Amino acid sequence: MQVSVEADEGPFTITVSDASGQLDPVAQVFDAAGVLIAANDDHAGVSLDLNRFDSAVRVRQAGRFDLRITEFMGRAGWVKVQVALD
């Protein structure tokens, strides 16, 4: 899945979570030129509310970005995507 995100200010955090705990989402953020600027497979303790395999990406600047979400093993399913200013 790929979606566009536009932020007037930063930094902000994008979290991708799976309530069932069965999926391992991967989040990648690309700038307007298509350059990968941030990526995360597992959140590494960003939030205690996230499952072990959920992802969290912190973007430090404002602008227009493309967010690409995949699943580590290529499985399909539903995930929750949240974008929040820090």
PDB file of N, CA and C in Angstrom:
ATOM      1  N   MET A   1       0.846  -1.161   0.000  1.00  0.00           N
ATOM      2  CA  MET A   1       0.000   0.000   0.000  1.00  0.00           C
ATOM      3  C   MET A   1       0.898   1.233   0.000  1.00  0.00           C
ATOM      4  N   GLN A   2       0.511   2.233  -0.745  1.00  0.00           N
ATOM      5  CA  GLN A   2       1.255   3.489  -0.760  1.00  0.00           C
ATOM      6  C   GLN A   2       0.275   4.649  -0.660  1.00  0.00           C
ATOM      7  N   VAL A   3       0.561   5.588   0.243  1.00  0.00           N
ATOM      8  CA  VAL A   3      -0.263   6.775   0.424  1.00  0.00           C
ATOM      9  C   VAL A   3       0.640   7.994   0.516  1.00  0.00           C
ATOM     10  N   SER A   4       0.091   9.150   0.186  1.00  0.00           N
ATOM     11  CA  SER A   4       0.832  10.404   0.305  1.00  0.00           C
ATOM     12  C   SER A   4       0.463  11.088   1.612  1.00  0.00           C
ATOM     13  N   VAL A   5       1.467  11.686   2.233  1.00  0.00           N
ATOM     14  CA  VAL A   5       1.299  12.418   3.488  1.00  0.00           C
ATOM     15  C   VAL A   5       1.895  13.794   3.278  1.00  0.00           C
ATOM     16  N   GLU A   6       1.177  14.829   3.698  1.00  0.00           N
ATOM     17  CA  GLU A   6       1.715  16.183   3.605  1.00  0.00           C
ATOM     18  C   GLU A   6       1.691  16.805   4.991  1.00  0.00           C
ATOM     19  N   ALA A   7       2.845  17.306   5.426  1.00  0.00           N
ATOM     20  CA  ALA A   7       2.959  17.897   6.758  1.00  0.00           C
ATOM     21  C   ALA A   7       3.484  19.317   6.639  1.00  0.00           C
ATOM     22  N   ASP A   8       2.772  20.267   7.247  1.00  0.00           N
ATOM     23  CA  ASP A   8       3.188  21.668   7.253  1.00  0.00           C
ATOM     24  C   ASP A   8       4.311  21.929   8.244  1.00  0.00           C
ATOM     25  N   GLU A   9       4.489  20.999   9.175  1.00  0.00           N
ATOM     26  CA  GLU A   9       5.561  21.133  10.149  1.00  0.00           C
ATOM     27  C   GLU A   9       6.017  19.745  10.583  1.00  0.00           C
ATOM     28  N   GLY A  10       7.104  19.690  11.254  1.00  0.00           N
ATOM     29  CA  GLY A  10       7.643  18.429  11.751  1.00  0.00           C
ATOM     30  C   GLY A  10       8.332  18.700  13.064  1.00  0.00           C
ATOM     31  N   PRO A  11       8.837  17.730  13.719  1.00  0.00           N
ATOM     32  CA  PRO A  11       8.814  16.323  13.333  1.00  0.00           C
ATOM     33  C   PRO A  11       7.454  15.677  13.619  1.00  0.00           C
ATOM     34  N   PHE A  12       7.252  14.527  12.984  1.00  0.00           N
ATOM     35  CA  PHE A  12       6.045  13.748  13.224  1.00  0.00           C
ATOM     36  C   PHE A  12       6.395  12.271  13.169  1.00  0.00           C
ATOM     37  N   THR A  13       5.531  11.474  13.772  1.00  0.00           N
ATOM     38  CA  THR A  13       5.754  10.027  13.826  1.00  0.00           C
ATOM     39  C   THR A  13       4.612   9.307  13.134  1.00  0.00           C
ATOM     40  N   ILE A  14       4.970   8.336  12.324  1.00  0.00           N
ATOM     41  CA  ILE A  14       3.999   7.469  11.659  1.00  0.00           C
ATOM     42  C   ILE A  14       4.113   6.097  12.313  1.00  0.00           C
ATOM     43  N   THR A  15       2.997   5.590  12.827  1.00  0.00           N
ATOM     44  CA  THR A  15       2.990   4.241  13.373  1.00  0.00           C
ATOM     45  C   THR A  15       2.065   3.371  12.537  1.00  0.00           C
ATOM     46  N   VAL A  16       2.484   2.136  12.342  1.00  0.00           N
ATOM     47  CA  VAL A  16       1.694   1.150  11.607  1.00  0.00           C
ATOM     48  C   VAL A  16       1.554  -0.055  12.523  1.00  0.00           C
ATOM     49  N   SER A  17       0.310  -0.374  12.875  1.00  0.00           N
ATOM     50  CA  SER A  17       0.094  -1.452  13.833  1.00  0.00           C
ATOM     51  C   SER A  17      -0.959  -2.439  13.355  1.00  0.00           C
ATOM     52  N   ASP A  18      -0.835  -3.652  13.860  1.00  0.00           N
ATOM     53  CA  ASP A  18      -1.770  -4.732  13.561  1.00  0.00           C
ATOM     54  C   ASP A  18      -2.353  -5.214  14.885  1.00  0.00           C
ATOM     55  N   ALA A  19      -3.637  -4.970  15.093  1.00  0.00           N
ATOM     56  CA  ALA A  19      -4.285  -5.319  16.363  1.00  0.00           C
ATOM     57  C   ALA A  19      -4.246  -6.821  16.652  1.00  0.00           C
ATOM     58  N   SER A  20      -4.212  -7.643  15.615  1.00  0.00           N
ATOM     59  CA  SER A  20      -4.210  -9.090  15.822  1.00  0.00           C
ATOM     60  C   SER A  20      -2.846  -9.610  16.251  1.00  0.00           C
ATOM     61  N   GLY A  21      -1.782  -8.837  15.992  1.00  0.00           N
ATOM     62  CA  GLY A  21      -0.435  -9.280  16.330  1.00  0.00           C
ATOM     63  C   GLY A  21       0.112 -10.344  15.398  1.00  0.00           C
ATOM     64  N   GLN A  22      -0.578 -10.602  14.291  1.00  0.00           N
ATOM     65  CA  GLN A  22      -0.164 -11.642  13.354  1.00  0.00           C
ATOM     66  C   GLN A  22       0.709 -11.125  12.215  1.00  0.00           C
ATOM     67  N   LEU A  23       0.599  -9.811  11.904  1.00  0.00           N
ATOM     68  CA  LEU A  23       1.325  -9.246  10.780  1.00  0.00           C
ATOM     69  C   LEU A  23       2.568  -8.497  11.263  1.00  0.00           C
ATOM     70  N   ASP A  24       3.536  -8.380  10.382  1.00  0.00           N
ATOM     71  CA  ASP A  24       4.777  -7.667  10.676  1.00  0.00           C
ATOM     72  C   ASP A  24       4.914  -6.522   9.663  1.00  0.00           C
ATOM     73  N   PRO A  25       4.221  -5.378   9.893  1.00  0.00           N
ATOM     74  CA  PRO A  25       4.256  -4.289   8.918  1.00  0.00           C
ATOM     75  C   PRO A  25       5.624  -3.599   8.854  1.00  0.00           C
ATOM     76  N   VAL A  26       5.959  -3.171   7.658  1.00  0.00           N
ATOM     77  CA  VAL A  26       7.188  -2.413   7.408  1.00  0.00           C
ATOM     78  C   VAL A  26       6.765  -1.067   6.821  1.00  0.00           C
ATOM     79  N   ALA A  27       7.269   0.026   7.387  1.00  0.00           N
ATOM     80  CA  ALA A  27       6.945   1.374   6.903  1.00  0.00           C
ATOM     81  C   ALA A  27       8.180   2.010   6.286  1.00  0.00           C
ATOM     82  N   GLN A  28       8.009   2.581   5.110  1.00  0.00           N
ATOM     83  CA  GLN A  28       9.079   3.316   4.430  1.00  0.00           C
ATOM     84  C   GLN A  28       8.534   4.678   4.024  1.00  0.00           C
ATOM     85  N   VAL A  29       9.322   5.733   4.245  1.00  0.00           N
ATOM     86  CA  VAL A  29       8.923   7.095   3.898  1.00  0.00           C
ATOM     87  C   VAL A  29       9.886   7.628   2.853  1.00  0.00           C
ATOM     88  N   PHE A  30       9.324   8.126   1.737  1.00  0.00           N
ATOM     89  CA  PHE A  30      10.103   8.681   0.636  1.00  0.00           C
ATOM     90  C   PHE A  30       9.798  10.167   0.505  1.00  0.00           C
ATOM     91  N   ASP A  31      10.807  10.975   0.215  1.00  0.00           N
ATOM     92  CA  ASP A  31      10.564  12.411   0.017  1.00  0.00           C
ATOM     93  C   ASP A  31       9.999  12.654  -1.378  1.00  0.00           C
ATOM     94  N   ALA A  32       9.738  13.918  -1.718  1.00  0.00           N
ATOM     95  CA  ALA A  32       9.114  14.271  -2.996  1.00  0.00           C
ATOM     96  C   ALA A  32       9.950  13.849  -4.200  1.00  0.00           C
ATOM     97  N   ALA A  33      11.264  13.686  -4.008  1.00  0.00           N
ATOM     98  CA  ALA A  33      12.155  13.257  -5.093  1.00  0.00           C
ATOM     99  C   ALA A  33      12.235  11.738  -5.205  1.00  0.00           C
ATOM    100  N   GLY A  34      11.536  11.028  -4.305  1.00  0.00           N
ATOM    101  CA  GLY A  34      11.545   9.571  -4.340  1.00  0.00           C
ATOM    102  C   GLY A  34      12.682   8.932  -3.568  1.00  0.00           C
ATOM    103  N   VAL A  35      13.384   9.730  -2.748  1.00  0.00           N
ATOM    104  CA  VAL A  35      14.503   9.226  -1.962  1.00  0.00           C
ATOM    105  C   VAL A  35      13.992   8.687  -0.625  1.00  0.00           C
ATOM    106  N   LEU A  36      14.404   7.487  -0.258  1.00  0.00           N
ATOM    107  CA  LEU A  36      14.028   6.905   1.020  1.00  0.00           C
ATOM    108  C   LEU A  36      14.678   7.713   2.139  1.00  0.00           C
ATOM    109  N   ILE A  37      13.856   8.292   3.045  1.00  0.00           N
ATOM    110  CA  ILE A  37      14.412   9.113   4.126  1.00  0.00           C
ATOM    111  C   ILE A  37      14.235   8.471   5.499  1.00  0.00           C
ATOM    112  N   ALA A  38      13.329   7.494   5.624  1.00  0.00           N
ATOM    113  CA  ALA A  38      13.134   6.814   6.898  1.00  0.00           C
ATOM    114  C   ALA A  38      12.462   5.472   6.644  1.00  0.00           C
ATOM    115  N   ALA A  39      12.822   4.495   7.452  1.00  0.00           N
ATOM    116  CA  ALA A  39      12.203   3.170   7.336  1.00  0.00           C
ATOM    117  C   ALA A  39      12.268   2.477   8.682  1.00  0.00           C
ATOM    118  N   ASN A  40      11.304   1.591   8.921  1.00  0.00           N
ATOM    119  CA  ASN A  40      11.305   0.839  10.159  1.00  0.00           C
ATOM    120  C   ASN A  40      10.529  -0.445   9.972  1.00  0.00           C
ATOM    121  N   ASP A  41      11.104  -1.527  10.451  1.00  0.00           N
ATOM    122  CA  ASP A  41      10.419  -2.814  10.441  1.00  0.00           C
ATOM    123  C   ASP A  41       9.746  -3.048  11.793  1.00  0.00           C
ATOM    124  N   ASP A  42      10.506  -2.960  12.864  1.00  0.00           N
ATOM    125  CA  ASP A  42       9.965  -3.126  14.215  1.00  0.00           C
ATOM    126  C   ASP A  42      10.232  -1.854  15.008  1.00  0.00           C
ATOM    127  N   HIS A  43       9.295  -1.460  15.847  1.00  0.00           N
ATOM    128  CA  HIS A  43       9.334  -0.138  16.473  1.00  0.00           C
ATOM    129  C   HIS A  43      10.419   0.049  17.523  1.00  0.00           C
ATOM    130  N   ALA A  44      11.010  -1.010  18.053  1.00  0.00           N
ATOM    131  CA  ALA A  44      12.120  -0.928  19.014  1.00  0.00           C
ATOM    132  C   ALA A  44      11.775  -0.106  20.256  1.00  0.00           C
ATOM    133  N   GLY A  45      10.574  -0.285  20.785  1.00  0.00           N
ATOM    134  CA  GLY A  45      10.227   0.341  22.049  1.00  0.00           C
ATOM    135  C   GLY A  45       9.726   1.761  21.980  1.00  0.00           C
ATOM    136  N   VAL A  46       9.347   2.252  20.806  1.00  0.00           N
ATOM    137  CA  VAL A  46       8.826   3.612  20.678  1.00  0.00           C
ATOM    138  C   VAL A  46       7.585   3.811  21.541  1.00  0.00           C
ATOM    139  N   SER A  47       6.725   2.812  21.580  1.00  0.00           N
ATOM    140  CA  SER A  47       5.486   2.916  22.352  1.00  0.00           C
ATOM    141  C   SER A  47       5.151   1.564  22.962  1.00  0.00           C
ATOM    142  N   LEU A  48       4.766   1.557  24.224  1.00  0.00           N
ATOM    143  CA  LEU A  48       4.372   0.313  24.877  1.00  0.00           C
ATOM    144  C   LEU A  48       3.021  -0.195  24.375  1.00  0.00           C
ATOM    145  N   ASP A  49       2.263   0.654  23.673  1.00  0.00           N
ATOM    146  CA  ASP A  49       0.958   0.263  23.134  1.00  0.00           C
ATOM    147  C   ASP A  49       1.074  -0.563  21.852  1.00  0.00           C
ATOM    148  N   LEU A  50       2.248  -0.592  21.248  1.00  0.00           N
ATOM    149  CA  LEU A  50       2.427  -1.304  19.991  1.00  0.00           C
ATOM    150  C   LEU A  50       2.823  -2.754  20.229  1.00  0.00           C
ATOM    151  N   ASN A  51       2.405  -3.627  19.294  1.00  0.00           N
ATOM    152  CA  ASN A  51       2.845  -5.013  19.327  1.00  0.00           C
ATOM    153  C   ASN A  51       4.325  -5.082  18.958  1.00  0.00           C
ATOM    154  N   ARG A  52       4.941  -6.169  19.270  1.00  0.00           N
ATOM    155  CA  ARG A  52       6.379  -6.340  19.041  1.00  0.00           C
ATOM    156  C   ARG A  52       6.801  -6.065  17.594  1.00  0.00           C
ATOM    157  N   PHE A  53       6.000  -6.484  16.613  1.00  0.00           N
ATOM    158  CA  PHE A  53       6.376  -6.353  15.207  1.00  0.00           C
ATOM    159  C   PHE A  53       5.826  -5.103  14.525  1.00  0.00           C
ATOM    160  N   ASP A  54       5.062  -4.268  15.234  1.00  0.00           N
ATOM    161  CA  ASP A  54       4.546  -3.037  14.644  1.00  0.00           C
ATOM    162  C   ASP A  54       5.705  -2.093  14.330  1.00  0.00           C
ATOM    163  N   SER A  55       5.470  -1.141  13.439  1.00  0.00           N
ATOM    164  CA  SER A  55       6.551  -0.233  13.049  1.00  0.00           C
ATOM    165  C   SER A  55       6.222   1.209  13.420  1.00  0.00           C
ATOM    166  N   ALA A  56       7.272   1.986  13.614  1.00  0.00           N
ATOM    167  CA  ALA A  56       7.137   3.415  13.896  1.00  0.00           C
ATOM    168  C   ALA A  56       8.287   4.142  13.214  1.00  0.00           C
ATOM    169  N   VAL A  57       7.948   5.210  12.489  1.00  0.00           N
ATOM    170  CA  VAL A  57       8.942   5.991  11.743  1.00  0.00           C
ATOM    171  C   VAL A  57       8.824   7.444  12.165  1.00  0.00           C
ATOM    172  N   ARG A  58       9.934   8.076  12.498  1.00  0.00           N
ATOM    173  CA  ARG A  58       9.937   9.497  12.856  1.00  0.00           C
ATOM    174  C   ARG A  58      10.517  10.287  11.690  1.00  0.00           C
ATOM    175  N   VAL A  59       9.749  11.267  11.213  1.00  0.00           N
ATOM    176  CA  VAL A  59      10.179  12.141  10.123  1.00  0.00           C
ATOM    177  C   VAL A  59      10.435  13.510  10.726  1.00  0.00           C
ATOM    178  N   ARG A  60      11.595  14.064  10.465  1.00  0.00           N
ATOM    179  CA  ARG A  60      12.022  15.284  11.152  1.00  0.00           C
ATOM    180  C   ARG A  60      11.700  16.579  10.418  1.00  0.00           C
ATOM    181  N   GLN A  61      11.313  16.532   9.156  1.00  0.00           N
ATOM    182  CA  GLN A  61      11.056  17.767   8.418  1.00  0.00           C
ATOM    183  C   GLN A  61       9.634  17.811   7.860  1.00  0.00           C
ATOM    184  N   ALA A  62       9.215  19.000   7.492  1.00  0.00           N
ATOM    185  CA  ALA A  62       7.914  19.194   6.854  1.00  0.00           C
ATOM    186  C   ALA A  62       8.040  18.890   5.363  1.00  0.00           C
ATOM    187  N   GLY A  63       6.897  18.725   4.710  1.00  0.00           N
ATOM    188  CA  GLY A  63       6.905  18.500   3.271  1.00  0.00           C
ATOM    189  C   GLY A  63       5.893  17.464   2.848  1.00  0.00           C
ATOM    190  N   ARG A  64       6.016  17.020   1.610  1.00  0.00           N
ATOM    191  CA  ARG A  64       5.134  15.991   1.052  1.00  0.00           C
ATOM    192  C   ARG A  64       5.932  14.699   0.961  1.00  0.00           C
ATOM    193  N   PHE A  65       5.321  13.620   1.430  1.00  0.00           N
ATOM    194  CA  PHE A  65       6.007  12.346   1.492  1.00  0.00           C
ATOM    195  C   PHE A  65       5.103  11.239   0.966  1.00  0.00           C
ATOM    196  N   ASP A  66       5.719  10.191   0.477  1.00  0.00           N
ATOM    197  CA  ASP A  66       4.999   8.976   0.131  1.00  0.00           C
ATOM    198  C   ASP A  66       5.329   7.939   1.190  1.00  0.00           C
ATOM    199  N   LEU A  67       4.301   7.343   1.754  1.00  0.00           N
ATOM    200  CA  LEU A  67       4.446   6.294   2.753  1.00  0.00           C
ATOM    201  C   LEU A  67       4.122   4.966   2.086  1.00  0.00           C
ATOM    202  N   ARG A  68       5.065   4.060   2.118  1.00  0.00           N
ATOM    203  CA  ARG A  68       4.860   2.731   1.550  1.00  0.00           C
ATOM    204  C   ARG A  68       4.820   1.727   2.693  1.00  0.00           C
ATOM    205  N   ILE A  69       3.731   0.960   2.757  1.00  0.00           N
ATOM    206  CA  ILE A  69       3.565  -0.037   3.803  1.00  0.00           C
ATOM    207  C   ILE A  69       3.516  -1.412   3.152  1.00  0.00           C
ATOM    208  N   THR A  70       4.378  -2.285   3.639  1.00  0.00           N
ATOM    209  CA  THR A  70       4.385  -3.673   3.189  1.00  0.00           C
ATOM    210  C   THR A  70       4.351  -4.556   4.430  1.00  0.00           C
ATOM    211  N   GLU A  71       4.289  -5.860   4.216  1.00  0.00           N
ATOM    212  CA  GLU A  71       4.327  -6.808   5.315  1.00  0.00           C
ATOM    213  C   GLU A  71       5.591  -7.636   5.127  1.00  0.00           C
ATOM    214  N   PHE A  72       6.363  -7.812   6.164  1.00  0.00           N
ATOM    215  CA  PHE A  72       7.685  -8.435   6.073  1.00  0.00           C
ATOM    216  C   PHE A  72       7.675  -9.765   5.331  1.00  0.00           C
ATOM    217  N   MET A  73       6.655 -10.590   5.555  1.00  0.00           N
ATOM    218  CA  MET A  73       6.565 -11.907   4.920  1.00  0.00           C
ATOM    219  C   MET A  73       5.690 -11.895   3.667  1.00  0.00           C
ATOM    220  N   GLY A  74       5.171 -10.717   3.274  1.00  0.00           N
ATOM    221  CA  GLY A  74       4.349 -10.614   2.077  1.00  0.00           C
ATOM    222  C   GLY A  74       2.888 -10.990   2.281  1.00  0.00           C
ATOM    223  N   ARG A  75       2.454 -11.118   3.533  1.00  0.00           N
ATOM    224  CA  ARG A  75       1.072 -11.497   3.823  1.00  0.00           C
ATOM    225  C   ARG A  75       0.146 -10.288   3.683  1.00  0.00           C
ATOM    226  N   ALA A  76      -1.126 -10.573   3.455  1.00  0.00           N
ATOM    227  CA  ALA A  76      -2.141  -9.518   3.344  1.00  0.00           C
ATOM    228  C   ALA A  76      -2.894  -9.402   4.659  1.00  0.00           C
ATOM    229  N   GLY A  77      -3.467  -8.222   4.890  1.00  0.00           N
ATOM    230  CA  GLY A  77      -4.262  -8.026   6.088  1.00  0.00           C
ATOM    231  C   GLY A  77      -4.540  -6.553   6.301  1.00  0.00           C
ATOM    232  N   TRP A  78      -5.153  -6.239   7.448  1.00  0.00           N
ATOM    233  CA  TRP A  78      -5.517  -4.868   7.800  1.00  0.00           C
ATOM    234  C   TRP A  78      -4.539  -4.329   8.836  1.00  0.00           C
ATOM    235  N   VAL A  79      -4.128  -3.080   8.644  1.00  0.00           N
ATOM    236  CA  VAL A  79      -3.285  -2.416   9.630  1.00  0.00           C
ATOM    237  C   VAL A  79      -3.858  -1.039   9.909  1.00  0.00           C
ATOM    238  N   LYS A  80      -3.502  -0.515  11.059  1.00  0.00           N
ATOM    239  CA  LYS A  80      -3.893   0.848  11.448  1.00  0.00           C
ATOM    240  C   LYS A  80      -2.689   1.749  11.224  1.00  0.00           C
ATOM    241  N   VAL A  81      -2.906   2.872  10.536  1.00  0.00           N
ATOM    242  CA  VAL A  81      -1.849   3.837  10.272  1.00  0.00           C
ATOM    243  C   VAL A  81      -2.215   5.120  11.004  1.00  0.00           C
ATOM    244  N   GLN A  82      -1.269   5.636  11.793  1.00  0.00           N
ATOM    245  CA  GLN A  82      -1.490   6.866  12.545  1.00  0.00           C
ATOM    246  C   GLN A  82      -0.332   7.823  12.286  1.00  0.00           C
ATOM    247  N   VAL A  83      -0.678   9.075  11.993  1.00  0.00           N
ATOM    248  CA  VAL A  83       0.321  10.123  11.802  1.00  0.00           C
ATOM    249  C   VAL A  83       0.083  11.165  12.887  1.00  0.00           C
ATOM    250  N   ALA A  84       1.116  11.450  13.684  1.00  0.00           N
ATOM    251  CA  ALA A  84       0.955  12.386  14.811  1.00  0.00           C
ATOM    252  C   ALA A  84       2.155  13.305  14.912  1.00  0.00           C
ATOM    253  N   LEU A  85       1.881  14.597  15.099  1.00  0.00           N
ATOM    254  CA  LEU A  85       2.959  15.546  15.348  1.00  0.00           C
ATOM    255  C   LEU A  85       3.603  15.233  16.687  1.00  0.00           C
ATOM    256  N   ASP A  86       4.909  15.350  16.750  1.00  0.00           N
ATOM    257  CA  ASP A  86       5.629  15.106  18.009  1.00  0.00           C
ATOM    258  C   ASP A  86       5.604  16.335  18.886  1.00  0.00           C
TER     259      ASP A  86
END
